[in-house]
Amino acid sequence: MTSNLIRDAIQAATIPKLASAFNLTSAAIASWSANKKVPWPHLVRLAELSDTDLKTLMDANSDAQTQVFRGTSRPLTLLKDLADLETAVSWGGGEVNHSLNQEVFLRDDALKSLSAKHDIELRLLKVMVKTTKSFKLEYDTLTSLDQLFPDKATQRAALAQASSTLGVGVHEVNRRLRRWGITPPPLASVAARRQLQGRRTLNKERLAIAVQSYIKGSHNIEDAAALGETSSDYLYRLARNALDVFGESLRELRSFPDYVRAALAEDAYRILRGDADNQALYSDSILRLYRKVGNRVAKPVPASPRDGYVELLPAVVRDEISTNDVAAFKETPEDTVKQRFTGLLVGIGLTWGAVERMSSAHREALYQLLIRKPAETP
């Protein structure tokens, strides 16, 4: 297996550790390694956990091919090998000698080699031989359709010609294209528009990650601008606009502790990607609580289900104790336990359901603020 930066980063951080950090299953993390592509929102955290350069990781993620599911299909290389084998045994080109040459074809040892090479049953290959007029004709016809057409009229004419050549309907031509993994390409104008949209999406991802890294404090403005492949002034303006949503400025940002900056960075990333309408932003609540308790001293205290709800809240927010454990110990329905926690959080505009949907950065910030107590007077 050839080396790949995405796969190496995942192996360096280990799948169990990443699954725990992202609150995902090990199978989901393993699929990133298999596809050699990581969802963009998780890229910064992966770089930190694997101690990998973020810009290099972004470049590798940009180069990774998008995985497209096409249903049950066969590799086009199999059709090419069958066409070459057909030419070698001189089969095809007429109905008169079809059956005789087909028998030669079926007896050829090369067919067994193709079965092993492409991991397909010999029985299925023989069925294909018996039901196919000419592999070479099908290969040449179908691959000729793998091009960009200037307009729909030209595209329809090409499909009609292929239909006539193979002696099947247009729908059957499209079915065979899909079966051999040849996706009928869009028109040239559509392809150009999709390519432009792809570049815009990639640029948006890069800028969002760069701003997230700057607000979080992982990079200074110059390094973050280089990460986003833009100017420092433009990146600064993007970061300022993202913080304006919460009524904060970049000058105030420097006074915030790291966990508050991480929560702000998470929401800034969502805003710049355009996800703010679909995903709730929690920094307002985090900042409201920070202004109330920011000057207090952090005093983490081990909690157990026998404690009161106020003492239990930080541990449950951090997943040290589950609401199910609390409900079982207190012999109370879990929904009632969640309602009690909602009652403690409603003052900062949160519900327990919102806490369950929070990212790990938001939950860590909430935990750090909840464990802060007034300083003891001498």
Protein backbone atom coordinates (compact mmCIF):
# COMPACT_ATOMS: atom_id res chain seq x y z
CA MET A 1 0.00 0.00 0.00
CA THR A 2 1.44 3.36 -1.04
CA SER A 3 1.99 6.02 1.60
CA ASN A 4 -0.57 8.81 1.88
CA LEU A 5 -0.41 11.87 4.13
CA ILE A 6 -4.05 11.62 5.24
CA ARG A 7 -3.69 7.93 6.08
CA ASP A 8 -0.35 8.55 7.84
CA ALA A 9 -1.89 11.32 9.96
CA ILE A 10 -4.76 9.07 11.00
CA GLN A 11 -2.36 6.27 11.87
CA ALA A 12 -0.19 8.68 13.88
CA ALA A 13 -3.15 9.88 15.93
CA THR A 14 -4.68 6.33 16.06
CA ILE A 15 -8.27 5.55 15.12
CA PRO A 16 -9.55 5.01 18.71
CA LYS A 17 -8.17 8.38 19.83
CA LEU A 18 -9.71 10.18 16.84
CA ALA A 19 -13.04 8.41 17.33
CA SER A 20 -13.10 9.63 20.93
CA ALA A 21 -12.02 13.18 20.02
CA PHE A 22 -14.61 13.59 17.26
CA ASN A 23 -17.33 11.58 19.03
CA LEU A 24 -17.58 9.28 16.00
CA THR A 25 -17.35 5.53 15.48
CA SER A 26 -14.07 3.83 14.67
CA ALA A 27 -15.64 2.71 11.37
CA ALA A 28 -16.21 6.34 10.37
CA ILE A 29 -12.56 7.21 11.04
CA ALA A 30 -11.45 4.08 9.18
CA SER A 31 -13.47 5.22 6.15
CA TRP A 32 -11.46 8.48 6.13
CA SER A 33 -8.29 6.43 5.97
CA ALA A 34 -9.68 4.19 3.22
CA ASN A 35 -10.90 7.12 1.10
CA LYS A 36 -7.81 9.23 1.95
CA LYS A 37 -10.08 12.23 2.54
CA VAL A 38 -11.18 13.89 5.79
CA PRO A 39 -14.30 16.05 6.24
CA TRP A 40 -13.05 19.64 6.23
CA PRO A 41 -14.51 20.62 9.65
CA HIS A 42 -12.29 17.97 11.31
CA LEU A 43 -9.06 18.85 9.52
CA VAL A 44 -7.65 21.34 12.06
CA ARG A 45 -8.21 18.96 14.97
CA LEU A 46 -6.64 16.08 13.03
CA ALA A 47 -3.55 18.20 12.36
CA GLU A 48 -3.23 18.91 16.09
CA LEU A 49 -3.76 15.32 17.22
CA SER A 50 -1.38 13.87 14.64
CA ASP A 51 1.22 16.66 14.93
CA THR A 52 1.02 17.22 11.16
CA ASP A 53 1.48 20.53 9.35
CA LEU A 54 -2.00 21.89 8.68
CA LYS A 55 -1.24 23.42 5.27
CA THR A 56 0.30 20.17 4.02
CA LEU A 57 -2.74 18.29 5.29
CA MET A 58 -5.08 20.74 3.54
CA ASP A 59 -3.21 20.28 0.25
CA ALA A 60 -3.47 16.49 0.56
CA ASN A 61 -7.18 16.73 1.34
CA SER A 62 -7.72 19.00 -1.67
CA ASP A 63 -5.97 16.53 -3.98
CA ALA A 64 -8.00 13.54 -2.73
CA GLN A 65 -10.56 12.28 -5.19
CA THR A 66 -14.20 12.57 -4.12
CA GLN A 67 -15.64 9.13 -3.56
CA VAL A 68 -18.64 8.60 -5.84
CA PHE A 69 -20.95 5.62 -5.35
CA ARG A 70 -22.10 4.24 -8.67
CA GLY A 71 -23.85 1.11 -7.52
CA THR A 72 -22.86 -2.33 -8.74
CA SER A 73 -20.40 -1.88 -11.59
CA ARG A 74 -17.48 -3.63 -13.21
CA PRO A 75 -14.06 -2.14 -13.90
CA LEU A 76 -13.62 -0.71 -17.38
CA THR A 77 -10.24 -2.46 -17.52
CA LEU A 78 -12.12 -5.79 -17.58
CA LEU A 79 -14.02 -4.74 -20.71
CA LYS A 80 -10.73 -3.60 -22.29
CA ASP A 81 -9.05 -6.95 -21.50
CA LEU A 82 -12.03 -8.84 -22.92
CA ALA A 83 -11.88 -6.73 -26.08
CA ASP A 84 -8.14 -7.44 -26.45
CA LEU A 85 -8.72 -11.15 -25.85
CA GLU A 86 -11.50 -11.15 -28.42
CA THR A 87 -9.14 -9.67 -31.00
CA ALA A 88 -6.49 -12.25 -30.13
CA VAL A 89 -8.82 -15.21 -30.78
CA SER A 90 -10.38 -13.54 -33.85
CA TRP A 91 -13.92 -13.52 -32.56
CA GLY A 92 -16.52 -10.95 -33.61
CA GLY A 93 -17.45 -9.32 -36.85
CA GLY A 94 -20.22 -11.59 -38.10
CA GLU A 95 -23.19 -13.71 -37.08
CA VAL A 96 -22.21 -16.72 -39.25
CA ASN A 97 -19.07 -17.71 -37.35
CA HIS A 98 -20.25 -16.37 -34.00
CA SER A 99 -20.97 -19.67 -32.24
CA LEU A 100 -17.84 -21.45 -33.49
CA ASN A 101 -15.48 -18.64 -32.46
CA GLN A 102 -17.35 -18.27 -29.20
CA GLU A 103 -16.46 -21.86 -28.32
CA VAL A 104 -12.79 -21.10 -28.99
CA PHE A 105 -13.11 -18.04 -26.82
CA LEU A 106 -14.63 -20.01 -23.94
CA ARG A 107 -11.91 -22.66 -24.09
CA ASP A 108 -9.12 -20.09 -24.03
CA ASP A 109 -7.04 -20.23 -20.84
CA ALA A 110 -6.77 -16.44 -20.92
CA LEU A 111 -10.38 -16.23 -19.76
CA LYS A 112 -9.37 -18.00 -16.54
CA SER A 113 -6.54 -15.53 -16.12
CA LEU A 114 -9.00 -12.63 -16.45
CA SER A 115 -11.20 -14.25 -13.82
CA ALA A 116 -8.32 -14.26 -11.35
CA LYS A 117 -7.02 -10.82 -12.36
CA HIS A 118 -10.33 -9.02 -11.89
CA ASP A 119 -11.64 -11.20 -9.05
CA ILE A 120 -14.77 -12.21 -10.93
CA GLU A 121 -16.23 -15.70 -11.18
CA LEU A 122 -15.38 -17.62 -14.37
CA ARG A 123 -19.03 -18.57 -14.61
CA LEU A 124 -20.06 -14.91 -14.87
CA LEU A 125 -17.42 -14.27 -17.52
CA LYS A 126 -18.79 -17.13 -19.60
CA VAL A 127 -22.30 -15.71 -19.30
CA MET A 128 -20.99 -12.36 -20.51
CA VAL A 129 -19.31 -14.03 -23.48
CA LYS A 130 -22.52 -15.80 -24.47
CA THR A 131 -24.66 -12.66 -24.23
CA THR A 132 -22.31 -10.10 -25.79
CA LYS A 133 -22.13 -9.50 -29.52
CA SER A 134 -18.64 -8.00 -29.46
CA PHE A 135 -16.59 -6.74 -26.53
CA LYS A 136 -14.39 -4.65 -28.80
CA LEU A 137 -17.38 -2.98 -30.42
CA GLU A 138 -18.90 -2.24 -27.01
CA TYR A 139 -15.63 -0.90 -25.59
CA ASP A 140 -14.96 1.39 -28.56
CA THR A 141 -18.56 2.64 -28.65
CA LEU A 142 -18.94 3.33 -24.95
CA THR A 143 -15.54 4.98 -24.48
CA SER A 144 -16.31 7.28 -27.42
CA LEU A 145 -19.12 8.74 -25.30
CA ASP A 146 -16.73 9.64 -22.47
CA GLN A 147 -16.29 13.26 -23.59
CA LEU A 148 -17.72 16.73 -23.06
CA PHE A 149 -20.45 17.60 -25.53
CA PRO A 150 -20.96 21.27 -26.52
CA ASP A 151 -24.76 21.05 -26.45
CA LYS A 152 -27.65 18.65 -25.83
CA ALA A 153 -28.34 18.09 -29.54
CA THR A 154 -24.81 16.76 -30.08
CA GLN A 155 -25.09 14.62 -26.98
CA ARG A 156 -28.42 13.09 -28.09
CA ALA A 157 -27.01 12.43 -31.56
CA ALA A 158 -23.98 10.60 -30.09
CA LEU A 159 -26.23 8.44 -27.86
CA ALA A 160 -28.48 7.63 -30.83
CA GLN A 161 -25.44 6.60 -32.88
CA ALA A 162 -24.19 4.36 -30.06
CA SER A 163 -27.67 2.86 -29.73
CA SER A 164 -27.69 2.03 -33.44
CA THR A 165 -24.16 0.60 -33.39
CA LEU A 166 -24.82 -1.73 -30.43
CA GLY A 167 -28.35 -2.61 -31.55
CA VAL A 168 -29.93 -1.60 -28.23
CA GLY A 169 -32.04 1.28 -26.97
CA VAL A 170 -30.66 4.56 -25.58
CA HIS A 171 -31.66 3.57 -22.04
CA GLU A 172 -29.66 0.35 -22.41
CA VAL A 173 -26.64 2.37 -23.60
CA ASN A 174 -26.85 4.51 -20.45
CA ARG A 175 -27.21 1.37 -18.33
CA ARG A 176 -24.07 -0.12 -19.86
CA LEU A 177 -22.19 3.14 -19.33
CA ARG A 178 -23.04 2.95 -15.64
CA ARG A 179 -22.24 -0.77 -15.45
CA TRP A 180 -18.72 -0.22 -16.77
CA GLY A 181 -18.19 2.80 -14.52
CA ILE A 182 -18.37 5.38 -17.32
CA THR A 183 -20.50 8.22 -15.97
CA PRO A 184 -22.14 10.05 -18.88
CA PRO A 185 -20.36 13.41 -18.68
CA PRO A 186 -22.28 16.70 -18.47
CA LEU A 187 -22.32 19.30 -21.19
CA ALA A 188 -19.19 21.41 -21.53
CA SER A 189 -20.94 24.49 -20.08
CA VAL A 190 -22.22 22.51 -17.08
CA ALA A 191 -18.80 20.96 -16.50
CA ALA A 192 -17.14 24.38 -16.54
CA ARG A 193 -19.71 25.72 -14.07
CA ARG A 194 -19.20 22.74 -11.76
CA GLN A 195 -15.42 23.18 -11.96
CA LEU A 196 -15.75 26.85 -11.02
CA GLN A 197 -18.11 25.99 -8.17
CA GLY A 198 -15.63 23.35 -6.97
CA ARG A 199 -12.83 25.93 -6.88
CA ARG A 200 -15.03 28.37 -4.98
CA THR A 201 -15.98 25.70 -2.44
CA LEU A 202 -12.33 24.75 -1.95
CA ASN A 203 -11.33 28.41 -1.50
CA LYS A 204 -14.12 28.86 1.04
CA GLU A 205 -12.90 25.83 2.97
CA ARG A 206 -9.32 27.09 2.99
CA LEU A 207 -10.32 30.57 4.17
CA ALA A 208 -12.63 29.17 6.86
CA ILE A 209 -9.87 26.93 8.22
CA ALA A 210 -7.37 29.80 8.11
CA VAL A 211 -9.69 32.12 10.06
CA GLN A 212 -10.47 29.34 12.53
CA SER A 213 -6.75 28.78 13.07
CA TYR A 214 -6.13 32.52 13.60
CA ILE A 215 -8.98 33.05 16.07
CA LYS A 216 -8.01 29.92 17.96
CA GLY A 217 -4.46 31.21 18.28
CA SER A 218 -2.76 28.37 16.41
CA HIS A 219 -1.30 30.78 13.82
CA ASN A 220 -0.53 34.48 13.68
CA ILE A 221 -2.19 36.59 11.00
CA GLU A 222 0.66 36.18 8.47
CA ASP A 223 0.87 32.39 8.82
CA ALA A 224 -2.91 32.05 8.75
CA ALA A 225 -3.05 34.16 5.56
CA ALA A 226 -0.45 31.88 3.96
CA LEU A 227 -2.55 28.90 5.04
CA GLY A 228 -5.61 30.37 3.34
CA GLU A 229 -3.58 31.50 0.31
CA THR A 230 -4.79 35.07 0.68
CA SER A 231 -3.58 38.44 2.01
CA SER A 232 -3.31 39.29 5.71
CA ASP A 233 -5.69 42.24 5.26
CA TYR A 234 -8.41 40.09 3.70
CA LEU A 235 -8.07 37.37 6.34
CA TYR A 236 -8.18 39.99 9.10
CA ARG A 237 -11.38 41.40 7.61
CA LEU A 238 -12.97 37.94 7.46
CA ALA A 239 -12.07 37.24 11.09
CA ARG A 240 -13.40 40.64 12.18
CA ASN A 241 -16.71 40.09 10.37
CA ALA A 242 -17.10 36.64 11.94
CA LEU A 243 -16.56 38.04 15.47
CA ASP A 244 -18.96 40.93 14.80
CA VAL A 245 -21.77 38.33 14.86
CA PHE A 246 -21.12 37.89 18.60
CA GLY A 247 -20.45 41.56 19.31
CA GLU A 248 -16.74 40.98 19.88
CA SER A 249 -13.66 42.54 18.31
CA LEU A 250 -10.26 41.13 17.48
CA ARG A 251 -8.74 43.42 20.11
CA GLU A 252 -10.85 41.75 22.83
CA LEU A 253 -9.96 38.34 21.45
CA ARG A 254 -6.45 38.50 22.93
CA SER A 255 -7.83 38.65 26.47
CA PHE A 256 -9.91 35.47 26.14
CA PRO A 257 -8.62 32.15 27.49
CA ASP A 258 -7.76 29.42 24.98
CA TYR A 259 -10.95 27.43 25.52
CA VAL A 260 -13.17 30.45 24.77
CA ARG A 261 -11.12 31.23 21.66
CA ALA A 262 -11.50 27.61 20.51
CA ALA A 263 -15.29 27.88 20.85
CA LEU A 264 -15.32 31.19 18.94
CA ALA A 265 -13.09 29.70 16.25
CA GLU A 266 -15.49 26.78 15.79
CA ASP A 267 -18.45 29.10 15.20
CA ALA A 268 -16.41 31.43 12.96
CA TYR A 269 -15.60 28.41 10.80
CA ARG A 270 -19.31 27.57 10.47
CA ILE A 271 -20.19 31.17 9.62
CA LEU A 272 -17.58 31.42 6.86
CA ARG A 273 -18.62 28.07 5.37
CA GLY A 274 -22.24 29.24 5.29
CA ASP A 275 -23.40 26.61 7.80
CA ALA A 276 -24.61 29.12 10.40
CA ASP A 277 -28.20 28.86 9.15
CA ASN A 278 -28.22 25.08 9.46
CA GLN A 279 -26.22 24.64 12.67
CA ALA A 280 -26.73 26.50 15.93
CA LEU A 281 -23.97 28.83 17.13
CA TYR A 282 -23.19 28.54 20.84
CA SER A 283 -20.58 31.26 21.36
CA ASP A 284 -23.21 33.76 22.54
CA SER A 285 -24.00 31.52 25.50
CA ILE A 286 -20.33 30.80 26.15
CA LEU A 287 -19.50 34.54 26.16
CA ARG A 288 -22.48 35.34 28.37
CA LEU A 289 -21.27 32.84 30.97
CA TYR A 290 -17.65 34.00 30.58
CA ARG A 291 -18.58 37.61 31.39
CA LYS A 292 -20.31 36.35 34.51
CA VAL A 293 -17.62 34.02 35.89
CA GLY A 294 -14.45 34.85 33.94
CA ASN A 295 -12.63 36.35 36.93
CA ARG A 296 -13.30 33.37 39.15
CA VAL A 297 -10.91 30.54 39.97
CA ALA A 298 -11.25 27.11 38.30
CA LYS A 299 -11.88 24.45 40.95
CA PRO A 300 -12.60 21.06 39.37
CA VAL A 301 -14.14 18.68 41.89
CA PRO A 302 -14.63 14.95 41.24
CA ALA A 303 -18.35 14.27 40.93
CA SER A 304 -20.47 11.20 41.53
CA PRO A 305 -24.15 10.47 40.80
CA ARG A 306 -25.00 11.01 44.48
CA ASP A 307 -24.15 14.75 44.20
CA GLY A 308 -26.70 17.45 43.52
CA TYR A 309 -27.56 18.58 40.00
CA VAL A 310 -25.50 21.78 40.29
CA GLU A 311 -22.38 19.81 41.26
CA LEU A 312 -23.07 17.17 38.61
CA LEU A 313 -23.57 19.54 35.67
CA PRO A 314 -19.86 20.13 34.78
CA ALA A 315 -19.07 16.39 34.87
CA VAL A 316 -22.10 15.53 32.73
CA VAL A 317 -21.23 18.28 30.23
CA ARG A 318 -17.76 16.74 29.89
CA ASP A 319 -19.19 13.19 29.55
CA GLU A 320 -17.46 12.06 32.73
CA ILE A 321 -20.90 10.90 33.93
CA SER A 322 -23.86 10.18 31.67
CA THR A 323 -27.42 11.35 32.24
CA ASN A 324 -28.39 7.69 32.19
CA ASP A 325 -26.08 6.98 35.15
CA VAL A 326 -27.53 9.93 37.07
CA ALA A 327 -31.09 8.79 36.34
CA ALA A 328 -30.32 5.22 37.43
CA PHE A 329 -28.71 6.31 40.72
CA LYS A 330 -31.42 8.83 41.59
CA GLU A 331 -34.18 6.46 40.38
CA THR A 332 -35.55 9.25 38.21
CA PRO A 333 -36.55 9.16 34.52
CA GLU A 334 -33.73 10.35 32.28
CA ASP A 335 -36.00 12.98 30.69
CA THR A 336 -36.56 14.47 34.14
CA VAL A 337 -32.78 14.60 34.72
CA LYS A 338 -32.32 16.43 31.41
CA GLN A 339 -35.07 18.89 32.34
CA ARG A 340 -33.29 19.65 35.64
CA PHE A 341 -30.06 20.37 33.75
CA THR A 342 -31.98 22.56 31.28
CA GLY A 343 -33.27 24.55 34.23
CA LEU A 344 -29.67 25.25 35.27
CA LEU A 345 -28.63 26.31 31.76
CA VAL A 346 -31.62 28.32 30.60
CA GLY A 347 -30.17 31.49 32.16
CA ILE A 348 -27.45 31.59 29.47
CA GLY A 349 -29.82 30.63 26.66
CA LEU A 350 -29.07 26.89 26.52
CA THR A 351 -31.01 23.66 26.90
CA TRP A 352 -29.62 20.22 27.60
CA GLY A 353 -30.53 19.21 24.05
CA ALA A 354 -28.31 22.04 22.78
CA VAL A 355 -25.43 20.81 24.93
CA GLU A 356 -25.79 17.33 23.42
CA ARG A 357 -25.43 18.85 19.93
CA MET A 358 -22.36 20.92 20.85
CA SER A 359 -18.93 20.26 19.40
CA SER A 360 -16.14 19.11 21.71
CA ALA A 361 -14.68 22.66 21.70
CA HIS A 362 -17.94 24.20 22.90
CA ARG A 363 -18.46 21.57 25.57
CA GLU A 364 -14.92 22.01 26.87
CA ALA A 365 -15.42 25.79 27.09
CA LEU A 366 -18.73 25.31 28.91
CA TYR A 367 -17.11 22.86 31.33
CA GLN A 368 -14.20 25.19 32.09
CA LEU A 369 -16.61 28.02 32.90
CA LEU A 370 -18.95 25.88 35.00
CA ILE A 371 -16.14 24.77 37.35
CA ARG A 372 -15.14 28.35 38.16
CA LYS A 373 -15.94 29.40 41.73
CA PRO A 374 -15.54 32.74 43.55
CA ALA A 375 -12.03 33.26 44.92
CA GLU A 376 -11.72 32.55 48.64
CA THR A 377 -11.09 35.63 50.76
CA PRO A 378 -8.12 35.39 53.14
